[in-house]
């Protein structure tokens, strides 16, 4: 959950990134779901996108990412009766991987 437009990478730990990377190498689907409370939207953060921000921080760059840096394709809202309809985002992710 994030109350502002900037998400700090301090919320994510190195062991999580390592696990996600290993999981993806085994053809798994690794992601985080972020809730931006100010916009009342959810974001499906794919591992490959997280890795880009993680590597940037490790190279001395920003230790966070801004909402406007994210792929708008993966911004979504809750559907009536469903708290977090992440399965639609997983399907979109899978479709893009197949292309």
Protein backbone atom coordinates (compact mmCIF):
# COMPACT_ATOMS: atom_id res chain seq x y z
CA UNK A 1 0.00 0.00 0.00
CA UNK A 2 1.25 3.43 -0.91
CA UNK A 3 -0.29 6.75 0.13
CA UNK A 4 1.84 8.87 -2.23
CA UNK A 5 2.92 8.64 -5.88
CA UNK A 6 6.40 7.42 -4.94
CA UNK A 7 7.03 3.84 -3.84
CA UNK A 8 10.26 3.25 -1.94
CA UNK A 9 12.20 0.09 -2.68
CA UNK A 10 12.93 -0.21 1.06
CA UNK A 11 9.55 -1.95 1.20
CA UNK A 12 11.01 -4.80 -0.83
CA UNK A 13 13.86 -6.96 0.45
CA UNK A 14 16.77 -8.51 -1.43
CA UNK A 15 15.68 -12.05 -0.50
CA UNK A 16 12.27 -11.38 -2.08
CA UNK A 17 13.85 -10.18 -5.30
CA UNK A 18 16.18 -13.21 -5.36
CA UNK A 19 13.24 -15.57 -4.80
CA UNK A 20 11.18 -13.88 -7.51
CA UNK A 21 14.07 -14.06 -9.95
CA UNK A 22 14.58 -17.78 -9.29
CA UNK A 23 10.83 -18.39 -9.52
CA UNK A 24 10.63 -16.64 -12.91
CA UNK A 25 13.59 -18.70 -14.20
CA UNK A 26 11.46 -21.78 -13.47
CA UNK A 27 8.64 -20.29 -15.60
CA UNK A 28 6.71 -19.01 -12.60
CA UNK A 29 4.86 -15.70 -12.52
CA UNK A 30 6.22 -13.34 -9.88
CA UNK A 31 4.58 -10.01 -9.09
CA UNK A 32 3.56 -7.57 -6.40
CA UNK A 33 0.16 -5.95 -6.07
CA UNK A 34 0.40 -2.32 -5.04
CA UNK A 35 -2.51 -0.24 -3.84
CA UNK A 36 -2.18 3.51 -4.40
CA UNK A 37 -4.60 4.89 -1.85
CA UNK A 38 -4.60 8.50 -3.11
CA UNK A 39 -5.72 7.38 -6.58
CA UNK A 40 -7.72 4.41 -5.28
CA UNK A 41 -6.15 2.17 -7.91
CA UNK A 42 -4.25 -1.08 -7.85
CA UNK A 43 -1.10 -1.85 -9.76
CA UNK A 44 0.19 -5.23 -10.92
CA UNK A 45 3.97 -4.87 -10.68
CA UNK A 46 5.55 -7.55 -12.85
CA UNK A 47 8.93 -8.87 -11.74
CA UNK A 48 10.67 -7.64 -14.89
CA UNK A 49 9.47 -4.11 -14.12
CA UNK A 50 10.51 -4.37 -10.47
CA UNK A 51 13.91 -5.69 -11.55
CA UNK A 52 14.46 -2.62 -13.72
CA UNK A 53 13.87 -0.34 -10.72
CA UNK A 54 15.88 -2.61 -8.40
CA UNK A 55 18.88 -2.63 -10.74
CA UNK A 56 18.68 1.15 -11.14
CA UNK A 57 18.87 1.55 -7.34
CA UNK A 58 21.74 -0.93 -7.10
CA UNK A 59 23.64 1.13 -9.69
CA UNK A 60 23.37 4.26 -7.55
CA UNK A 61 20.12 5.57 -9.01
CA UNK A 62 16.80 6.35 -7.38
CA UNK A 63 15.83 4.08 -4.48
CA UNK A 64 12.17 4.42 -5.41
CA UNK A 65 9.91 4.66 -8.42
CA UNK A 66 7.13 7.07 -9.27
CA UNK A 67 3.61 6.18 -10.32
CA UNK A 68 4.15 7.91 -13.66
CA UNK A 69 7.05 5.52 -14.41
CA UNK A 70 4.72 2.52 -14.34
CA UNK A 71 3.13 0.86 -17.35
CA UNK A 72 -0.48 2.16 -17.44
CA UNK A 73 -1.60 -1.18 -18.93
CA UNK A 74 -1.23 -2.74 -15.47
CA UNK A 75 -3.23 -0.16 -13.52
CA UNK A 76 -6.60 -1.58 -12.51
CA UNK A 77 -9.52 -1.03 -10.16
CA UNK A 78 -11.44 -3.37 -7.94
CA UNK A 79 -14.47 -4.98 -9.53
CA UNK A 80 -17.80 -5.16 -7.80
CA UNK A 81 -17.81 -8.13 -5.45
CA UNK A 82 -14.06 -8.78 -5.79
CA UNK A 83 -11.49 -7.25 -3.51
CA UNK A 84 -8.47 -7.61 -5.81
CA UNK A 85 -9.17 -9.03 -9.27
CA UNK A 86 -5.54 -9.87 -9.98
CA UNK A 87 -6.30 -12.87 -12.21
CA UNK A 88 -7.11 -10.53 -15.10
CA UNK A 89 -3.66 -8.98 -14.72
CA UNK A 90 -1.96 -12.38 -14.62
CA UNK A 91 -3.71 -13.28 -17.87
CA UNK A 92 -2.58 -10.00 -19.45
CA UNK A 93 0.96 -10.70 -18.26
CA UNK A 94 0.85 -14.20 -19.75
CA UNK A 95 -0.51 -12.87 -23.04
CA UNK A 96 2.35 -10.37 -23.30
CA UNK A 97 4.92 -13.08 -22.53
CA UNK A 98 3.56 -15.19 -25.38
CA UNK A 99 3.95 -12.38 -27.92
